[in-house]
PDB file of N, CA and C in Angstrom:
ATOM      1  N   MET A   1       0.843  -1.171   0.000  1.00  0.00           N
ATOM      2  CA  MET A   1       0.000   0.000   0.000  1.00  0.00           C
ATOM      3  C   MET A   1       0.895   1.243   0.000  1.00  0.00           C
ATOM      4  N   ALA A   2       0.580   2.185  -0.827  1.00  0.00           N
ATOM      5  CA  ALA A   2       1.379   3.404  -0.950  1.00  0.00           C
ATOM      6  C   ALA A   2       1.092   4.355   0.199  1.00  0.00           C
ATOM      7  N   ARG A   3       2.102   5.153   0.540  1.00  0.00           N
ATOM      8  CA  ARG A   3       1.932   6.182   1.568  1.00  0.00           C
ATOM      9  C   ARG A   3       1.992   7.547   0.899  1.00  0.00           C
ATOM     10  N   PHE A   4       1.256   8.485   1.459  1.00  0.00           N
ATOM     11  CA  PHE A   4       1.256   9.832   0.912  1.00  0.00           C
ATOM     12  C   PHE A   4       2.452  10.605   1.445  1.00  0.00           C
ATOM     13  N   ASP A   5       3.052  11.431   0.583  1.00  0.00           N
ATOM     14  CA  ASP A   5       4.213  12.224   0.973  1.00  0.00           C
ATOM     15  C   ASP A   5       3.826  13.507   1.689  1.00  0.00           C
ATOM     16  N   SER A   6       2.622  13.961   1.489  1.00  0.00           N
ATOM     17  CA  SER A   6       2.246  15.274   2.009  1.00  0.00           C
ATOM     18  C   SER A   6       1.269  15.156   3.165  1.00  0.00           C
ATOM     19  N   LYS A   7       1.118  16.268   3.872  1.00  0.00           N
ATOM     20  CA  LYS A   7       0.148  16.365   4.954  1.00  0.00           C
ATOM     21  C   LYS A   7      -0.832  17.471   4.608  1.00  0.00           C
ATOM     22  N   ALA A   8      -1.988  17.417   5.206  1.00  0.00           N
ATOM     23  CA  ALA A   8      -2.999  18.440   4.946  1.00  0.00           C
ATOM     24  C   ALA A   8      -2.532  19.776   5.513  1.00  0.00           C
ATOM     25  N   GLU A   9      -2.583  20.804   4.696  1.00  0.00           N
ATOM     26  CA  GLU A   9      -2.168  22.128   5.141  1.00  0.00           C
ATOM     27  C   GLU A   9      -3.318  22.901   5.758  1.00  0.00           C
ATOM     28  N   LEU A  10      -4.529  22.564   5.362  1.00  0.00           N
ATOM     29  CA  LEU A  10      -5.694  23.264   5.882  1.00  0.00           C
ATOM     30  C   LEU A  10      -6.494  22.334   6.784  1.00  0.00           C
ATOM     31  N   PRO A  11      -7.092  22.881   7.834  1.00  0.00           N
ATOM     32  CA  PRO A  11      -7.920  22.024   8.688  1.00  0.00           C
ATOM     33  C   PRO A  11      -9.196  21.607   7.969  1.00  0.00           C
ATOM     34  N   ALA A  12      -9.779  20.524   8.420  1.00  0.00           N
ATOM     35  CA  ALA A  12     -11.012  20.043   7.809  1.00  0.00           C
ATOM     36  C   ALA A  12     -12.189  20.947   8.150  1.00  0.00           C
ATOM     37  N   HIS A  13     -12.166  21.557   9.321  1.00  0.00           N
ATOM     38  CA  HIS A  13     -13.250  22.449   9.742  1.00  0.00           C
ATOM     39  C   HIS A  13     -12.673  23.835   9.991  1.00  0.00           C
ATOM     40  N   THR A  14     -13.284  24.838   9.413  1.00  0.00           N
ATOM     41  CA  THR A  14     -12.843  26.208   9.618  1.00  0.00           C
ATOM     42  C   THR A  14     -13.444  26.732  10.912  1.00  0.00           C
ATOM     43  N   PRO A  15     -12.629  27.202  11.857  1.00  0.00           N
ATOM     44  CA  PRO A  15     -13.176  27.723  13.110  1.00  0.00           C
ATOM     45  C   PRO A  15     -14.134  28.880  12.851  1.00  0.00           C
ATOM     46  N   GLY A  16     -15.236  28.888  13.571  1.00  0.00           N
ATOM     47  CA  GLY A  16     -16.223  29.948  13.417  1.00  0.00           C
ATOM     48  C   GLY A  16     -17.323  29.620  12.434  1.00  0.00           C
ATOM     49  N   THR A  17     -17.191  28.536  11.695  1.00  0.00           N
ATOM     50  CA  THR A  17     -18.226  28.119  10.755  1.00  0.00           C
ATOM     51  C   THR A  17     -19.166  27.168  11.477  1.00  0.00           C
ATOM     52  N   PRO A  18     -20.452  27.524  11.607  1.00  0.00           N
ATOM     53  CA  PRO A  18     -21.355  26.649  12.356  1.00  0.00           C
ATOM     54  C   PRO A  18     -21.700  25.383  11.577  1.00  0.00           C
ATOM     55  N   ARG A  19     -21.873  24.304  12.303  1.00  0.00           N
ATOM     56  CA  ARG A  19     -22.331  23.066  11.696  1.00  0.00           C
ATOM     57  C   ARG A  19     -23.845  23.136  11.575  1.00  0.00           C
ATOM     58  N   GLY A  20     -24.434  22.233  10.823  1.00  0.00           N
ATOM     59  CA  GLY A  20     -25.873  22.256  10.587  1.00  0.00           C
ATOM     60  C   GLY A  20     -26.692  22.113  11.852  1.00  0.00           C
ATOM     61  N   GLU A  21     -26.286  21.188  12.731  1.00  0.00           N
ATOM     62  CA  GLU A  21     -27.059  20.985  13.949  1.00  0.00           C
ATOM     63  C   GLU A  21     -26.930  22.162  14.914  1.00  0.00           C
ATOM     64  N   GLU A  22     -25.799  22.886  14.874  1.00  0.00           N
ATOM     65  CA  GLU A  22     -25.652  24.073  15.717  1.00  0.00           C
ATOM     66  C   GLU A  22     -26.571  25.187  15.234  1.00  0.00           C
ATOM     67  N   ARG A  23     -26.730  25.287  13.949  1.00  0.00           N
ATOM     68  CA  ARG A  23     -27.581  26.334  13.393  1.00  0.00           C
ATOM     69  C   ARG A  23     -29.051  26.124  13.755  1.00  0.00           C
ATOM     70  N   VAL A  24     -29.486  24.883  13.801  1.00  0.00           N
ATOM     71  CA  VAL A  24     -30.869  24.586  14.185  1.00  0.00           C
ATOM     72  C   VAL A  24     -31.103  24.979  15.638  1.00  0.00           C
ATOM     73  N   LYS A  25     -30.111  24.754  16.500  1.00  0.00           N
ATOM     74  CA  LYS A  25     -30.253  25.101  17.913  1.00  0.00           C
ATOM     75  C   LYS A  25     -30.385  26.605  18.116  1.00  0.00           C
ATOM     76  N   THR A  26     -29.658  27.398  17.343  1.00  0.00           N
ATOM     77  CA  THR A  26     -29.683  28.849  17.536  1.00  0.00           C
ATOM     78  C   THR A  26     -30.806  29.526  16.766  1.00  0.00           C
ATOM     79  N   SER A  27     -31.059  29.103  15.543  1.00  0.00           N
ATOM     80  CA  SER A  27     -32.035  29.788  14.690  1.00  0.00           C
ATOM     81  C   SER A  27     -33.375  29.079  14.598  1.00  0.00           C
ATOM     82  N   GLY A  28     -33.427  27.820  14.988  1.00  0.00           N
ATOM     83  CA  GLY A  28     -34.659  27.051  14.834  1.00  0.00           C
ATOM     84  C   GLY A  28     -34.716  26.402  13.461  1.00  0.00           C
ATOM     85  N   ARG A  29     -35.718  25.583  13.274  1.00  0.00           N
ATOM     86  CA  ARG A  29     -35.867  24.879  12.000  1.00  0.00           C
ATOM     87  C   ARG A  29     -36.369  25.820  10.916  1.00  0.00           C
ATOM     88  N   GLU A  30     -36.076  25.471   9.690  1.00  0.00           N
ATOM     89  CA  GLU A  30     -36.556  26.257   8.563  1.00  0.00           C
ATOM     90  C   GLU A  30     -38.071  26.154   8.471  1.00  0.00           C
ATOM     91  N   PRO A  31     -38.740  27.205   7.983  1.00  0.00           N
ATOM     92  CA  PRO A  31     -40.188  27.100   7.815  1.00  0.00           C
ATOM     93  C   PRO A  31     -40.535  26.027   6.786  1.00  0.00           C
ATOM     94  N   GLY A  32     -41.593  25.305   7.048  1.00  0.00           N
ATOM     95  CA  GLY A  32     -42.026  24.260   6.134  1.00  0.00           C
ATOM     96  C   GLY A  32     -41.405  22.914   6.389  1.00  0.00           C
ATOM     97  N   ARG A  33     -40.594  22.771   7.425  1.00  0.00           N
ATOM     98  CA  ARG A  33     -39.944  21.485   7.700  1.00  0.00           C
ATOM     99  C   ARG A  33     -40.826  20.530   8.485  1.00  0.00           C
ATOM    100  N   ARG A  34     -41.904  21.002   9.061  1.00  0.00           N
ATOM    101  CA  ARG A  34     -42.738  20.119   9.876  1.00  0.00           C
ATOM    102  C   ARG A  34     -44.156  20.093   9.320  1.00  0.00           C
ATOM    103  N   HIS A  35     -44.647  18.925   9.038  1.00  0.00           N
ATOM    104  CA  HIS A  35     -46.010  18.761   8.538  1.00  0.00           C
ATOM    105  C   HIS A  35     -46.830  18.179   9.680  1.00  0.00           C
ATOM    106  N   PRO A  36     -47.927  18.833  10.108  1.00  0.00           N
ATOM    107  CA  PRO A  36     -48.643  18.379  11.299  1.00  0.00           C
ATOM    108  C   PRO A  36     -49.240  16.976  11.195  1.00  0.00           C
ATOM    109  N   LYS A  37     -49.648  16.544  10.020  1.00  0.00           N
ATOM    110  CA  LYS A  37     -50.282  15.231   9.897  1.00  0.00           C
ATOM    111  C   LYS A  37     -49.288  14.124   9.579  1.00  0.00           C
ATOM    112  N   ILE A  38     -48.262  14.436   8.826  1.00  0.00           N
ATOM    113  CA  ILE A  38     -47.342  13.406   8.353  1.00  0.00           C
ATOM    114  C   ILE A  38     -46.136  13.257   9.272  1.00  0.00           C
ATOM    115  N   GLY A  39     -45.593  14.340   9.754  1.00  0.00           N
ATOM    116  CA  GLY A  39     -44.374  14.261  10.558  1.00  0.00           C
ATOM    117  C   GLY A  39     -43.167  14.497   9.676  1.00  0.00           C
ATOM    118  N   ARG A  40     -42.289  13.526   9.578  1.00  0.00           N
ATOM    119  CA  ARG A  40     -41.091  13.674   8.752  1.00  0.00           C
ATOM    120  C   ARG A  40     -41.447  13.583   7.274  1.00  0.00           C
ATOM    121  N   MET A  41     -40.708  14.333   6.475  1.00  0.00           N
ATOM    122  CA  MET A  41     -40.926  14.318   5.031  1.00  0.00           C
ATOM    123  C   MET A  41     -39.595  14.099   4.335  1.00  0.00           C
ATOM    124  N   ALA A  42     -39.623  13.945   3.024  1.00  0.00           N
ATOM    125  CA  ALA A  42     -38.402  13.732   2.254  1.00  0.00           C
ATOM    126  C   ALA A  42     -37.464  14.919   2.377  1.00  0.00           C
ATOM    127  N   ARG A  43     -38.002  16.101   2.558  1.00  0.00           N
ATOM    128  CA  ARG A  43     -37.159  17.292   2.652  1.00  0.00           C
ATOM    129  C   ARG A  43     -36.251  17.236   3.875  1.00  0.00           C
ATOM    130  N   ASP A  44     -36.664  16.565   4.949  1.00  0.00           N
ATOM    131  CA  ASP A  44     -35.827  16.460   6.134  1.00  0.00           C
ATOM    132  C   ASP A  44     -34.516  15.740   5.838  1.00  0.00           C
ATOM    133  N   SER A  45     -34.530  14.785   4.946  1.00  0.00           N
ATOM    134  CA  SER A  45     -33.329  14.024   4.639  1.00  0.00           C
ATOM    135  C   SER A  45     -32.603  14.515   3.402  1.00  0.00           C
ATOM    136  N   THR A  46     -33.327  15.049   2.444  1.00  0.00           N
ATOM    137  CA  THR A  46     -32.705  15.372   1.163  1.00  0.00           C
ATOM    138  C   THR A  46     -32.744  16.841   0.796  1.00  0.00           C
ATOM    139  N   SER A  47     -33.505  17.654   1.519  1.00  0.00           N
ATOM    140  CA  SER A  47     -33.664  19.084   1.233  1.00  0.00           C
ATOM    141  C   SER A  47     -34.238  19.339  -0.157  1.00  0.00           C
ATOM    142  N   ILE A  48     -35.104  18.464  -0.629  1.00  0.00           N
ATOM    143  CA  ILE A  48     -35.757  18.689  -1.916  1.00  0.00           C
ATOM    144  C   ILE A  48     -37.077  19.402  -1.689  1.00  0.00           C
ATOM    145  N   ASN A  49     -37.638  19.924  -2.737  1.00  0.00           N
ATOM    146  CA  ASN A  49     -38.941  20.567  -2.661  1.00  0.00           C
ATOM    147  C   ASN A  49     -39.997  19.475  -2.734  1.00  0.00           C
ATOM    148  N   PRO A  50     -40.680  19.169  -1.629  1.00  0.00           N
ATOM    149  CA  PRO A  50     -41.613  18.041  -1.649  1.00  0.00           C
ATOM    150  C   PRO A  50     -42.828  18.258  -2.530  1.00  0.00           C
ATOM    151  N   GLU A  51     -43.243  19.511  -2.738  1.00  0.00           N
ATOM    152  CA  GLU A  51     -44.400  19.750  -3.592  1.00  0.00           C
ATOM    153  C   GLU A  51     -44.084  19.431  -5.051  1.00  0.00           C
ATOM    154  N   ALA A  52     -42.840  19.623  -5.459  1.00  0.00           N
ATOM    155  CA  ALA A  52     -42.458  19.379  -6.844  1.00  0.00           C
ATOM    156  C   ALA A  52     -42.156  17.906  -7.112  1.00  0.00           C
ATOM    157  N   ARG A  53     -41.879  17.140  -6.060  1.00  0.00           N
ATOM    158  CA  ARG A  53     -41.487  15.746  -6.245  1.00  0.00           C
ATOM    159  C   ARG A  53     -42.290  14.837  -5.333  1.00  0.00           C
ATOM    160  N   GLY A  54     -43.532  14.660  -5.658  1.00  0.00           N
ATOM    161  CA  GLY A  54     -44.391  13.765  -4.889  1.00  0.00           C
ATOM    162  C   GLY A  54     -44.233  12.338  -5.375  1.00  0.00           C
ATOM    163  N   PRO A  55     -45.089  11.443  -4.912  1.00  0.00           N
ATOM    164  CA  PRO A  55     -45.035  10.060  -5.398  1.00  0.00           C
ATOM    165  C   PRO A  55     -45.308   9.998  -6.901  1.00  0.00           C
ATOM    166  N   ILE A  56     -44.740   9.013  -7.543  1.00  0.00           N
ATOM    167  CA  ILE A  56     -44.940   8.842  -8.979  1.00  0.00           C
ATOM    168  C   ILE A  56     -46.398   8.515  -9.262  1.00  0.00           C
ATOM    169  N   ASP A  57     -46.966   7.645  -8.466  1.00  0.00           N
ATOM    170  CA  ASP A  57     -48.359   7.235  -8.604  1.00  0.00           C
ATOM    171  C   ASP A  57     -49.116   7.717  -7.365  1.00  0.00           C
ATOM    172  N   PRO A  58     -50.236   8.432  -7.516  1.00  0.00           N
ATOM    173  CA  PRO A  58     -50.961   8.941  -6.345  1.00  0.00           C
ATOM    174  C   PRO A  58     -51.417   7.853  -5.376  1.00  0.00           C
ATOM    175  N   ARG A  59     -51.500   6.610  -5.837  1.00  0.00           N
ATOM    176  CA  ARG A  59     -51.909   5.519  -4.946  1.00  0.00           C
ATOM    177  C   ARG A  59     -50.773   5.039  -4.051  1.00  0.00           C
ATOM    178  N   MET A  60     -49.546   5.515  -4.308  1.00  0.00           N
ATOM    179  CA  MET A  60     -48.398   5.088  -3.509  1.00  0.00           C
ATOM    180  C   MET A  60     -48.486   5.693  -2.111  1.00  0.00           C
ATOM    181  N   PRO A  61     -48.058   4.963  -1.084  1.00  0.00           N
ATOM    182  CA  PRO A  61     -48.096   5.512   0.276  1.00  0.00           C
ATOM    183  C   PRO A  61     -46.977   6.521   0.490  1.00  0.00           C
ATOM    184  N   HIS A  62     -47.150   7.361   1.489  1.00  0.00           N
ATOM    185  CA  HIS A  62     -46.108   8.313   1.862  1.00  0.00           C
ATOM    186  C   HIS A  62     -45.162   7.613   2.829  1.00  0.00           C
ATOM    187  N   ILE A  63     -43.958   7.305   2.379  1.00  0.00           N
ATOM    188  CA  ILE A  63     -42.962   6.657   3.221  1.00  0.00           C
ATOM    189  C   ILE A  63     -41.739   7.567   3.251  1.00  0.00           C
ATOM    190  N   PRO A  64     -41.534   8.311   4.337  1.00  0.00           N
ATOM    191  CA  PRO A  64     -40.377   9.194   4.394  1.00  0.00           C
ATOM    192  C   PRO A  64     -39.091   8.391   4.554  1.00  0.00           C
ATOM    193  N   PRO A  65     -37.967   8.935   4.089  1.00  0.00           N
ATOM    194  CA  PRO A  65     -36.702   8.237   4.294  1.00  0.00           C
ATOM    195  C   PRO A  65     -36.352   8.193   5.773  1.00  0.00           C
ATOM    196  N   ALA A  66     -35.568   7.226   6.137  1.00  0.00           N
ATOM    197  CA  ALA A  66     -35.199   7.015   7.539  1.00  0.00           C
ATOM    198  C   ALA A  66     -34.907   8.310   8.161  1.00  0.00           C
TER     199      ALA A  66
END
């Protein structure tokens, strides 16, 4: 197995840049992220526009991603 000659010059995380979960704690969730009847939606996992991408067939059940 080959070894790399170089080391990372820049850190993986820039100090002062908030992570996603930190932003939710300070600012709250984005509007439209909670549906009162369904609960979790595809947008929670993928950040897609759920109105534009519904089920292919209207008879399909609503199954949100894990």
